[in-house]
Amino acid sequence: MTRLVVYSTLAIALTAGSGLAQLRPKAPVAAPSKSLADYSEAMENLSEAASPAVVQILVQGVAAVGQGESKRMGFVSEQEATGSGVIVDPTGYIITNAHVVQNARRINVKVMQVDAKNQTPHGHLWPAKLIGLDTQVDIAVLKIEGTNLPTLSFMNSDTLRQGRLVMALGSPLGLQNTLTHGVVSATLRQLKPESPMVYIQTDAPINPGNSGGPLLDINGQIAGINTMIYTESGGNEGIGFAIPANLAKDVYLKLRKDGRVRRGAIGVLPEAITPALAAGLGLDRDSGVILSDVAPHGAADAAGLQPGDVLISIDGKPIKEVRDLALTVFQRAPGDELKIVVQRGKEEIAKTVAVLERKNEPSLLADQANYQEALVRELGILAVTVDEKVTAVLPDLRRLSGVAVAAVPTEFAGLNPGLLAGDVIYEVNTKGVASLDELKAILKEKKPGDSIVLLVERMGQLIYVTATLE
């Protein structure tokens, strides 16, 4: 429960001998210094200029409930949620977080606008269409039908430095058009060692509802997209994270163009060089990145890279940590080329490595699905029969026949019992399913209200997903 508590204080003094309370004399208030007044005015101007492009997002949809096994089995409930977003194109393209709009049945966007009577700006509600989302980076792109809408532009987030002043705009706890400020606490914060994702860490207060809103620099440009907080209390504790602007912009452009993001790989396994490793291998450095493995027949192998090569740079940018390589490849698309310089023994060698499409990427299944043929409305999914094309994307499946979930169309997401792209359905109520036609036939025999249990392989594990047909 959220409580709003207003504290009011009154200073009183007891006059000696009288016992009467009297107000203390008011101390003169010093005029603010010019620098403080200038700072305050700059904040006001920035807020006034940036706020019209920051929107509140209202979502109706389904979300997983419960914990542990119940959550994995796909139990969902109807929920309403709010988040934030920022208009980045005057024709109505909006960036927000993927987790704000994922599984949404209906999305509306509230834009602060002045109406024809030139009244104080107030919220105008627009229906929004989901153009695409990337759950790995946590970016989604929405579109509203507008013209000449206010926008904010991206800054080059590589130029951010620790200590830089930043402002967060959004709708925390549903309170639209809220501004907070702080500093950049760290510029490249990696939360998981195995993940290529890095974040801008800030102490600008961020709370639930800020998700998807912009983190601005002092010029009013987008430095990042606010995405999460670290908290033990459930509220802001001064540790918030934003997706860097350069990464957010890259994903936005790809989603706007194709509706999805294709990931690449070059087929190497990098490791951090430690003093012990350097001593054992006779390296002339005790830090950096070394290739412990190069996948046979992969892109790096074809280019001539070898295990034991020490990475020096990619496209002229020094590689100092494993995350530098991971992030560089993560941001490139299949078909791109990387100019990689490595040290082999005492010699520096330059290689050109092609970025290939990453295997075992469930989003690739969407390319194999014809919408009308693949739609399984009862389950709110697009699906395809497991064949050699599917097994090329999802290798090492437990069974050789089944039905793979290719995508979850947003307009039917409310019917989805918790299936994810990449899931493979093997059975319905213990009856084996070898093809999409068989799945459709089994579901056609069911009536609204019937319970079904799906045996599903997800990331190498067999799980049950339950549903009640509508």
Protein backbone atom coordinates (compact mmCIF):
# COMPACT_ATOMS: atom_id res chain seq x y z
CA MET A 1 0.00 0.00 0.00
CA THR A 2 1.29 3.43 -0.93
CA ARG A 3 0.89 6.11 1.76
CA LEU A 4 1.19 9.82 1.15
CA VAL A 5 2.23 11.50 4.39
CA VAL A 6 2.39 15.27 4.69
CA TYR A 7 4.52 16.62 7.48
CA SER A 8 3.93 20.13 8.77
CA THR A 9 6.07 21.76 11.43
CA LEU A 10 5.64 24.91 13.43
CA ALA A 11 8.47 26.28 15.57
CA ILE A 12 7.25 27.70 18.88
CA ALA A 13 8.92 29.09 21.96
CA LEU A 14 7.64 29.32 25.50
CA THR A 15 8.06 32.82 26.80
CA ALA A 16 9.73 32.70 30.21
CA GLY A 17 7.30 33.25 33.03
CA SER A 18 4.24 33.60 30.76
CA GLY A 19 3.84 30.02 29.64
CA LEU A 20 2.50 31.34 26.35
CA ALA A 21 3.68 29.88 23.06
CA GLN A 22 4.89 32.48 20.60
CA LEU A 23 6.20 32.15 17.09
CA ARG A 24 9.95 32.46 16.77
CA PRO A 25 11.07 35.55 14.88
CA LYS A 26 11.54 34.77 11.22
CA ALA A 27 15.17 34.70 10.11
CA PRO A 28 15.88 36.72 6.98
CA VAL A 29 16.07 34.57 3.87
CA ALA A 30 19.23 35.11 1.87
CA ALA A 31 18.84 35.67 -1.85
CA PRO A 32 19.90 32.61 -3.85
CA SER A 33 23.28 32.79 -5.50
CA LYS A 34 23.32 33.45 -9.22
CA SER A 35 24.74 30.00 -9.95
CA LEU A 36 21.96 28.32 -7.94
CA ALA A 37 19.30 30.43 -9.66
CA ASP A 38 20.79 29.62 -13.05
CA TYR A 39 20.79 25.89 -12.22
CA SER A 40 17.15 26.03 -11.12
CA GLU A 41 16.14 27.92 -14.26
CA ALA A 42 18.04 25.45 -16.44
CA MET A 43 16.17 22.53 -14.83
CA GLU A 44 12.84 24.29 -15.39
CA ASN A 45 13.66 24.96 -19.03
CA LEU A 46 14.82 21.41 -19.63
CA SER A 47 11.67 19.98 -18.05
CA GLU A 48 9.44 22.30 -20.07
CA ALA A 49 11.19 21.38 -23.32
CA ALA A 50 11.43 17.62 -22.77
CA SER A 51 8.18 16.73 -20.99
CA PRO A 52 5.84 16.93 -24.05
CA ALA A 53 7.76 14.07 -25.73
CA VAL A 54 7.50 11.76 -22.69
CA VAL A 55 4.33 9.67 -22.57
CA GLN A 56 2.49 7.41 -20.16
CA ILE A 57 1.71 3.92 -21.43
CA LEU A 58 -1.44 2.15 -20.26
CA VAL A 59 -1.53 -1.60 -20.84
CA GLN A 60 -4.26 -4.20 -20.52
CA GLY A 61 -3.06 -7.76 -20.85
CA VAL A 62 -2.10 -10.96 -19.16
CA ALA A 63 0.85 -11.67 -16.91
CA ALA A 64 2.30 -14.71 -15.19
CA VAL A 65 1.22 -15.25 -11.60
CA GLY A 66 2.65 -17.34 -8.81
CA GLN A 67 6.20 -18.41 -8.16
CA GLY A 68 8.39 -21.39 -8.95
CA GLU A 69 6.63 -24.30 -10.63
CA SER A 70 3.25 -22.55 -10.90
CA LYS A 71 4.85 -19.68 -12.80
CA ARG A 72 6.72 -22.02 -15.13
CA MET A 73 3.51 -23.91 -15.94
CA GLY A 74 2.06 -20.77 -17.46
CA PHE A 75 -0.65 -19.61 -15.04
CA VAL A 76 -1.69 -16.11 -16.11
CA SER A 77 -4.21 -13.48 -15.05
CA GLU A 78 -5.72 -10.35 -16.53
CA GLN A 79 -3.80 -7.30 -15.35
CA GLU A 80 -3.50 -3.59 -15.97
CA ALA A 81 -0.17 -1.83 -15.81
CA THR A 82 1.42 1.51 -16.58
CA GLY A 83 4.82 2.49 -17.83
CA SER A 84 6.57 5.30 -19.63
CA GLY A 85 7.83 5.95 -23.13
CA VAL A 86 9.42 8.60 -25.28
CA ILE A 87 8.44 9.85 -28.74
CA VAL A 88 11.46 9.69 -31.06
CA ASP A 89 9.80 10.45 -34.40
CA PRO A 90 7.23 13.18 -35.13
CA THR A 91 4.99 10.67 -36.95
CA GLY A 92 4.40 8.80 -33.68
CA TYR A 93 7.12 6.19 -33.14
CA ILE A 94 7.65 5.59 -29.42
CA ILE A 95 10.33 3.69 -27.51
CA THR A 96 9.54 1.90 -24.25
CA ASN A 97 10.60 -1.27 -22.43
CA ALA A 98 9.58 -4.65 -23.82
CA HIS A 99 8.47 -5.77 -20.35
CA VAL A 100 5.96 -2.91 -20.23
CA VAL A 101 3.99 -4.09 -23.28
CA GLN A 102 4.78 -7.80 -23.54
CA ASN A 103 1.61 -9.94 -23.72
CA ALA A 104 -0.56 -6.81 -23.99
CA ARG A 105 -4.09 -7.12 -25.35
CA ARG A 106 -4.54 -3.39 -25.62
CA ILE A 107 -2.07 -0.51 -25.47
CA ASN A 108 -2.98 3.15 -25.06
CA VAL A 109 -0.60 6.09 -24.86
CA LYS A 110 -1.33 9.27 -22.93
CA VAL A 111 0.33 12.31 -24.48
CA MET A 112 0.41 15.69 -22.74
CA GLN A 113 -0.95 18.17 -25.28
CA VAL A 114 -2.52 21.60 -25.52
CA ASP A 115 -5.93 21.42 -27.19
CA ALA A 116 -7.48 23.84 -29.67
CA LYS A 117 -8.51 26.20 -26.85
CA ASN A 118 -4.84 26.57 -25.84
CA GLN A 119 -5.55 25.36 -22.32
CA THR A 120 -2.97 24.00 -19.89
CA PRO A 121 -1.49 20.77 -21.33
CA HIS A 122 -3.44 17.69 -20.30
CA GLY A 123 -3.48 14.03 -21.22
CA HIS A 124 -4.84 12.93 -24.60
CA LEU A 125 -5.28 9.17 -25.06
CA TRP A 126 -4.06 7.51 -28.27
CA PRO A 127 -4.41 3.82 -29.23
CA ALA A 128 -0.98 2.34 -29.99
CA LYS A 129 0.20 -0.47 -32.25
CA LEU A 130 3.12 -2.68 -31.23
CA ILE A 131 5.70 -2.60 -34.04
CA GLY A 132 8.11 -5.04 -32.41
CA LEU A 133 9.95 -5.89 -29.23
CA ASP A 134 13.32 -7.29 -28.24
CA THR A 135 13.15 -9.00 -24.85
CA GLN A 136 16.91 -9.53 -24.66
CA VAL A 137 17.66 -5.80 -24.60
CA ASP A 138 14.18 -4.96 -23.19
CA ILE A 139 13.21 -2.45 -25.88
CA ALA A 140 9.84 -2.18 -27.65
CA VAL A 141 8.64 0.16 -30.38
CA LEU A 142 5.07 1.47 -30.51
CA LYS A 143 3.30 3.58 -33.13
CA ILE A 144 0.50 6.09 -32.71
CA GLU A 145 -1.11 7.88 -35.63
CA GLY A 146 0.08 11.44 -35.21
CA THR A 147 1.90 14.21 -37.05
CA ASN A 148 4.28 16.93 -35.88
CA LEU A 149 4.52 15.33 -32.44
CA PRO A 150 7.19 16.56 -30.00
CA THR A 151 10.30 14.36 -29.97
CA LEU A 152 13.58 13.84 -28.16
CA SER A 153 16.83 12.84 -29.86
CA PHE A 154 19.55 10.39 -28.84
CA MET A 155 22.95 11.45 -27.60
CA ASN A 156 26.13 9.43 -28.15
CA SER A 157 26.11 7.46 -24.89
CA ASP A 158 29.76 6.48 -25.40
CA THR A 159 30.62 10.04 -24.32
CA LEU A 160 28.91 9.69 -20.92
CA ARG A 161 31.19 9.92 -17.91
CA GLN A 162 30.75 9.03 -14.26
CA GLY A 163 29.42 12.03 -12.33
CA ARG A 164 27.51 13.56 -15.28
CA LEU A 165 24.21 15.16 -14.28
CA VAL A 166 21.15 13.29 -15.61
CA MET A 167 17.36 13.58 -15.29
CA ALA A 168 14.72 10.83 -15.35
CA LEU A 169 11.31 11.63 -16.80
CA GLY A 170 8.31 9.33 -16.65
CA SER A 171 5.27 8.20 -14.71
CA PRO A 172 6.49 6.49 -11.52
CA LEU A 173 3.66 4.80 -9.60
CA GLY A 174 1.28 6.18 -12.25
CA LEU A 175 2.15 9.82 -11.52
CA GLN A 176 2.49 11.23 -15.03
CA ASN A 177 5.09 13.83 -15.98
CA THR A 178 7.43 13.35 -13.01
CA LEU A 179 11.02 14.64 -13.09
CA THR A 180 13.85 13.42 -10.87
CA HIS A 181 17.57 14.07 -11.16
CA GLY A 182 20.90 12.65 -10.11
CA VAL A 183 24.23 11.66 -11.60
CA VAL A 184 25.70 8.85 -13.66
CA SER A 185 26.96 6.41 -11.02
CA ALA A 186 28.63 4.11 -13.56
CA THR A 187 28.67 4.03 -17.35
CA LEU A 188 29.13 0.34 -18.22
CA ARG A 189 27.57 -1.67 -15.41
CA GLN A 190 27.38 -5.38 -16.22
CA LEU A 191 24.84 -7.18 -14.01
CA LYS A 192 25.57 -10.75 -15.12
CA PRO A 193 29.07 -11.93 -16.09
CA GLU A 194 27.69 -14.17 -18.85
CA SER A 195 25.46 -11.46 -20.37
CA PRO A 196 26.63 -9.00 -23.04
CA MET A 197 24.24 -6.38 -21.69
CA VAL A 198 25.67 -3.32 -19.97
CA TYR A 199 23.73 -0.50 -18.34
CA ILE A 200 24.09 3.09 -17.23
CA GLN A 201 23.78 3.13 -13.44
CA THR A 202 22.25 6.25 -11.90
CA ASP A 203 21.11 7.51 -8.52
CA ALA A 204 18.31 9.57 -10.11
CA PRO A 205 15.22 8.23 -8.29
CA ILE A 206 13.47 5.61 -10.44
CA ASN A 207 10.36 3.74 -9.31
CA PRO A 208 7.84 1.31 -10.83
CA GLY A 209 6.19 3.14 -13.74
CA ASN A 210 9.42 4.85 -14.81
CA SER A 211 10.19 1.85 -17.01
CA GLY A 212 10.57 2.89 -20.63
CA GLY A 213 11.02 6.58 -19.91
CA PRO A 214 14.14 8.52 -20.88
CA LEU A 215 17.24 9.28 -18.85
CA LEU A 216 18.28 12.71 -20.15
CA ASP A 217 21.57 14.55 -20.22
CA ILE A 218 21.82 18.28 -19.47
CA ASN A 219 21.07 19.08 -23.13
CA GLY A 220 17.73 17.27 -22.97
CA GLN A 221 18.91 14.39 -25.16
CA ILE A 222 18.24 10.71 -24.45
CA ALA A 223 21.22 9.23 -22.61
CA GLY A 224 19.40 5.97 -21.90
CA ILE A 225 16.04 4.25 -21.47
CA ASN A 226 15.20 3.57 -17.81
CA THR A 227 14.58 -0.13 -17.32
CA MET A 228 15.07 -1.41 -13.76
CA ILE A 229 16.13 -0.69 -10.20
CA TYR A 230 18.05 -2.61 -7.58
CA THR A 231 15.98 -2.64 -4.44
CA GLU A 232 15.41 -4.65 -1.28
CA SER A 233 12.44 -2.58 -0.16
CA GLY A 234 10.51 -2.49 -3.45
CA GLY A 235 11.09 1.25 -3.87
CA ASN A 236 13.92 3.45 -5.04
CA GLU A 237 17.19 2.99 -3.15
CA GLY A 238 19.38 5.09 -5.40
CA ILE A 239 20.50 2.29 -7.73
CA GLY A 240 18.73 2.48 -11.08
CA PHE A 241 19.70 1.21 -14.51
CA ALA A 242 19.13 2.50 -18.02
CA ILE A 243 19.80 0.94 -21.42
CA PRO A 244 22.51 3.09 -23.08
CA ALA A 245 21.19 5.34 -25.84
CA ASN A 246 23.43 3.88 -28.54
CA LEU A 247 22.12 0.37 -27.91
CA ALA A 248 18.50 1.54 -27.57
CA LYS A 249 18.73 3.47 -30.84
CA ASP A 250 20.24 0.51 -32.68
CA VAL A 251 17.44 -1.82 -31.51
CA TYR A 252 14.80 0.83 -32.28
CA LEU A 253 15.96 1.18 -35.88
CA LYS A 254 16.00 -2.59 -36.41
CA LEU A 255 12.56 -3.08 -34.87
CA ARG A 256 11.13 -0.22 -36.90
CA LYS A 257 12.56 -1.69 -40.11
CA ASP A 258 11.97 -5.43 -39.63
CA GLY A 259 9.81 -5.82 -36.52
CA ARG A 260 12.49 -7.98 -34.89
CA VAL A 261 16.22 -8.08 -34.18
CA ARG A 262 18.44 -10.72 -35.75
CA ARG A 263 21.40 -11.66 -33.56
CA GLY A 264 24.83 -12.59 -34.85
CA ALA A 265 27.74 -14.76 -33.76
CA ILE A 266 31.34 -15.33 -34.87
CA GLY A 267 32.03 -18.67 -33.18
CA VAL A 268 34.59 -17.95 -30.47
CA LEU A 269 34.83 -18.52 -26.73
CA PRO A 270 36.69 -15.64 -25.04
CA GLU A 271 38.20 -15.72 -21.57
CA ALA A 272 39.70 -13.04 -19.34
CA ILE A 273 43.47 -13.14 -19.01
CA THR A 274 44.55 -13.49 -15.37
CA PRO A 275 48.10 -13.25 -13.99
CA ALA A 276 48.10 -17.01 -13.39
CA LEU A 277 46.88 -17.75 -16.91
CA ALA A 278 49.41 -15.32 -18.38
CA ALA A 279 52.26 -16.93 -16.43
CA GLY A 280 51.26 -20.45 -17.47
CA LEU A 281 50.90 -19.56 -21.16
CA GLY A 282 53.93 -17.29 -21.27
CA LEU A 283 51.96 -14.21 -22.31
CA ASP A 284 53.53 -10.75 -22.18
CA ARG A 285 50.41 -9.27 -20.50
CA ASP A 286 48.42 -10.18 -17.41
CA SER A 287 45.07 -8.72 -18.47
CA GLY A 288 42.92 -8.62 -21.59
CA VAL A 289 41.02 -11.28 -23.55
CA ILE A 290 42.21 -14.57 -25.03
CA LEU A 291 40.34 -17.02 -27.27
CA SER A 292 40.16 -20.37 -25.49
CA ASP A 293 38.18 -21.95 -28.34
CA VAL A 294 37.27 -21.28 -31.96
CA ALA A 295 34.26 -23.26 -33.24
CA PRO A 296 35.11 -25.53 -36.17
CA HIS A 297 33.62 -24.31 -39.46
CA GLY A 298 32.45 -21.07 -37.82
CA ALA A 299 33.06 -17.54 -39.02
CA ALA A 300 36.18 -16.98 -36.90
CA ASP A 301 37.62 -20.33 -37.98
CA ALA A 302 37.04 -19.45 -41.64
CA ALA A 303 38.82 -16.12 -41.12
CA GLY A 304 41.87 -17.83 -39.62
CA LEU A 305 41.52 -17.07 -35.91
CA GLN A 306 42.94 -19.71 -33.58
CA PRO A 307 42.66 -20.75 -29.93
CA GLY A 308 45.30 -18.86 -27.96
CA ASP A 309 44.96 -15.66 -29.98
CA VAL A 310 44.89 -12.57 -27.77
CA LEU A 311 42.34 -9.97 -28.86
CA ILE A 312 43.78 -6.49 -29.39
CA SER A 313 40.97 -4.53 -31.08
CA ILE A 314 37.79 -4.75 -33.13
CA ASP A 315 37.21 -2.08 -35.76
CA GLY A 316 39.95 -0.02 -34.12
CA LYS A 317 38.37 -0.15 -30.65
CA PRO A 318 40.54 -1.77 -27.94
CA ILE A 319 39.23 -4.99 -26.40
CA LYS A 320 40.08 -4.94 -22.69
CA GLU A 321 37.40 -7.22 -21.22
CA VAL A 322 35.27 -10.15 -22.34
CA ARG A 323 32.19 -7.93 -22.28
CA ASP A 324 33.79 -5.63 -24.89
CA LEU A 325 33.79 -8.48 -27.40
CA ALA A 326 30.36 -9.75 -26.36
CA LEU A 327 28.77 -6.32 -26.64
CA THR A 328 30.39 -5.58 -30.00
CA VAL A 329 29.10 -8.80 -31.58
CA PHE A 330 25.74 -8.40 -29.82
CA GLN A 331 25.20 -5.06 -31.55
CA ARG A 332 26.07 -6.32 -35.03
CA ALA A 333 23.69 -7.93 -37.51
CA PRO A 334 24.28 -11.05 -39.58
CA GLY A 335 26.15 -10.05 -42.73
CA ASP A 336 28.29 -7.40 -41.02
CA GLU A 337 32.06 -7.73 -40.99
CA LEU A 338 34.48 -7.11 -38.12
CA LYS A 339 38.08 -6.00 -38.50
CA ILE A 340 39.78 -7.95 -35.70
CA VAL A 341 43.40 -7.56 -34.65
CA VAL A 342 44.92 -10.34 -32.54
CA GLN A 343 48.32 -11.07 -31.09
CA ARG A 344 49.71 -14.52 -31.87
CA GLY A 345 53.03 -15.04 -30.16
CA LYS A 346 54.96 -11.82 -30.77
CA GLU A 347 53.11 -10.97 -33.97
CA GLU A 348 49.98 -8.84 -34.48
CA ILE A 349 47.64 -10.18 -37.16
CA ALA A 350 44.60 -8.48 -38.72
CA LYS A 351 41.61 -10.60 -39.80
CA THR A 352 38.20 -9.82 -41.30
CA VAL A 353 35.48 -11.91 -39.67
CA ALA A 354 31.92 -12.18 -40.98
CA VAL A 355 29.05 -12.09 -38.50
CA LEU A 356 26.77 -15.09 -39.05
CA GLU A 357 23.22 -15.54 -37.87
CA ARG A 358 23.11 -17.06 -34.43
CA LYS A 359 21.73 -20.57 -34.17
CA ASN A 360 19.26 -21.66 -31.52
CA GLU A 361 17.56 -18.29 -31.78
CA PRO A 362 13.77 -18.81 -31.36
CA SER A 363 12.94 -15.52 -33.14
CA LEU A 364 14.21 -17.11 -36.38
CA LEU A 365 11.20 -19.42 -36.34
CA ALA A 366 8.93 -16.48 -37.13
CA ASP A 367 10.42 -16.38 -40.63
CA GLN A 368 9.15 -19.90 -41.24
CA ALA A 369 5.57 -19.15 -40.24
CA ASN A 370 2.87 -18.10 -42.70
CA TYR A 371 0.49 -16.14 -40.48
CA GLN A 372 -2.80 -17.63 -41.68
CA GLU A 373 -1.53 -21.21 -41.78
CA ALA A 374 0.50 -20.96 -38.57
CA LEU A 375 -2.12 -19.32 -36.35
CA VAL A 376 -3.41 -21.56 -33.55
CA ARG A 377 -5.97 -19.18 -32.14
CA GLU A 378 -7.00 -21.42 -29.23
CA LEU A 379 -3.46 -21.10 -27.79
CA GLY A 380 -2.68 -17.59 -29.05
CA ILE A 381 0.42 -18.71 -30.98
CA LEU A 382 1.94 -19.04 -34.42
CA ALA A 383 3.32 -22.55 -34.80
CA VAL A 384 5.16 -24.74 -37.29
CA THR A 385 5.73 -28.48 -37.66
CA VAL A 386 9.12 -29.62 -36.45
CA ASP A 387 11.21 -30.41 -39.56
CA GLU A 388 14.80 -29.95 -40.68
CA LYS A 389 14.37 -26.16 -40.85
CA VAL A 390 13.18 -26.05 -37.25
CA THR A 391 15.88 -28.38 -35.96
CA ALA A 392 18.48 -26.15 -37.62
CA VAL A 393 17.28 -23.35 -35.33
CA LEU A 394 16.55 -25.58 -32.30
CA PRO A 395 19.14 -28.36 -32.37
CA ASP A 396 19.27 -31.27 -29.94
CA LEU A 397 15.52 -31.54 -29.36
CA ARG A 398 14.39 -34.42 -27.15
CA ARG A 399 12.03 -35.75 -29.85
CA LEU A 400 12.09 -35.68 -33.65
CA SER A 401 8.43 -34.73 -34.15
CA GLY A 402 6.24 -32.06 -32.60
CA VAL A 403 5.04 -28.50 -33.07
CA ALA A 404 7.29 -25.51 -32.43
CA VAL A 405 5.98 -22.16 -31.20
CA ALA A 406 7.24 -19.63 -33.76
CA ALA A 407 5.82 -16.45 -32.23
CA VAL A 408 3.12 -15.02 -29.99
CA PRO A 409 1.01 -12.52 -31.97
CA THR A 410 0.06 -9.60 -29.76
CA GLU A 411 -3.59 -9.58 -30.83
CA PHE A 412 -4.06 -13.12 -29.46
CA ALA A 413 -1.58 -12.95 -26.58
CA GLY A 414 -4.46 -12.97 -24.09
CA LEU A 415 -5.33 -16.52 -25.16
CA ASN A 416 -1.76 -17.74 -24.67
CA PRO A 417 -1.41 -19.96 -21.55
CA GLY A 418 2.25 -19.10 -21.17
CA LEU A 419 3.87 -20.58 -24.27
CA LEU A 420 7.05 -18.89 -25.50
CA ALA A 421 8.73 -18.68 -28.88
CA GLY A 422 11.02 -21.71 -29.11
CA ASP A 423 8.77 -24.01 -27.05
CA VAL A 424 8.04 -27.37 -28.71
CA ILE A 425 4.68 -29.07 -28.05
CA TYR A 426 4.87 -32.89 -27.96
CA GLU A 427 1.54 -33.91 -26.42
CA VAL A 428 -1.97 -32.62 -25.72
CA ASN A 429 -3.61 -34.42 -22.79
CA THR A 430 -1.09 -37.30 -23.22
CA LYS A 431 -1.91 -37.65 -26.95
CA GLY A 432 1.15 -37.29 -29.18
CA VAL A 433 1.28 -34.42 -31.65
CA ALA A 434 3.49 -34.87 -34.71
CA SER A 435 2.40 -31.94 -36.87
CA LEU A 436 0.63 -28.59 -36.87
CA ASP A 437 -2.38 -30.15 -38.61
CA GLU A 438 -2.66 -32.76 -35.83
CA LEU A 439 -2.50 -30.05 -33.14
CA LYS A 440 -5.26 -28.06 -34.84
CA ALA A 441 -7.42 -31.17 -35.23
CA ILE A 442 -7.11 -32.09 -31.55
CA LEU A 443 -7.96 -28.56 -30.40
CA LYS A 444 -10.91 -28.37 -32.80
CA GLU A 445 -12.53 -31.29 -30.98
CA LYS A 446 -12.36 -29.43 -27.67
CA LYS A 447 -15.11 -27.18 -26.30
CA PRO A 448 -14.83 -23.79 -24.53
CA GLY A 449 -14.09 -24.46 -20.87
CA ASP A 450 -12.22 -27.71 -21.52
CA SER A 451 -8.92 -28.10 -19.71
CA ILE A 452 -5.86 -29.14 -21.64
CA VAL A 453 -2.35 -30.05 -20.56
CA LEU A 454 0.50 -29.59 -23.02
CA LEU A 455 3.78 -31.47 -22.71
CA VAL A 456 6.36 -28.93 -23.82
CA GLU A 457 10.11 -28.88 -24.23
CA ARG A 458 11.59 -25.55 -23.15
CA MET A 459 15.34 -24.98 -23.24
CA GLY A 460 16.07 -28.70 -23.04
CA GLN A 461 13.59 -29.46 -20.24
CA LEU A 462 10.13 -31.04 -20.37
CA ILE A 463 7.40 -29.07 -18.61
CA TYR A 464 3.61 -29.08 -18.45
CA VAL A 465 1.66 -26.04 -19.59
CA THR A 466 -2.01 -25.99 -18.59
CA ALA A 467 -4.83 -24.02 -20.22
CA THR A 468 -8.59 -23.64 -20.19
CA LEU A 469 -9.94 -23.05 -23.68
CA GLU A 470 -12.04 -19.94 -24.22
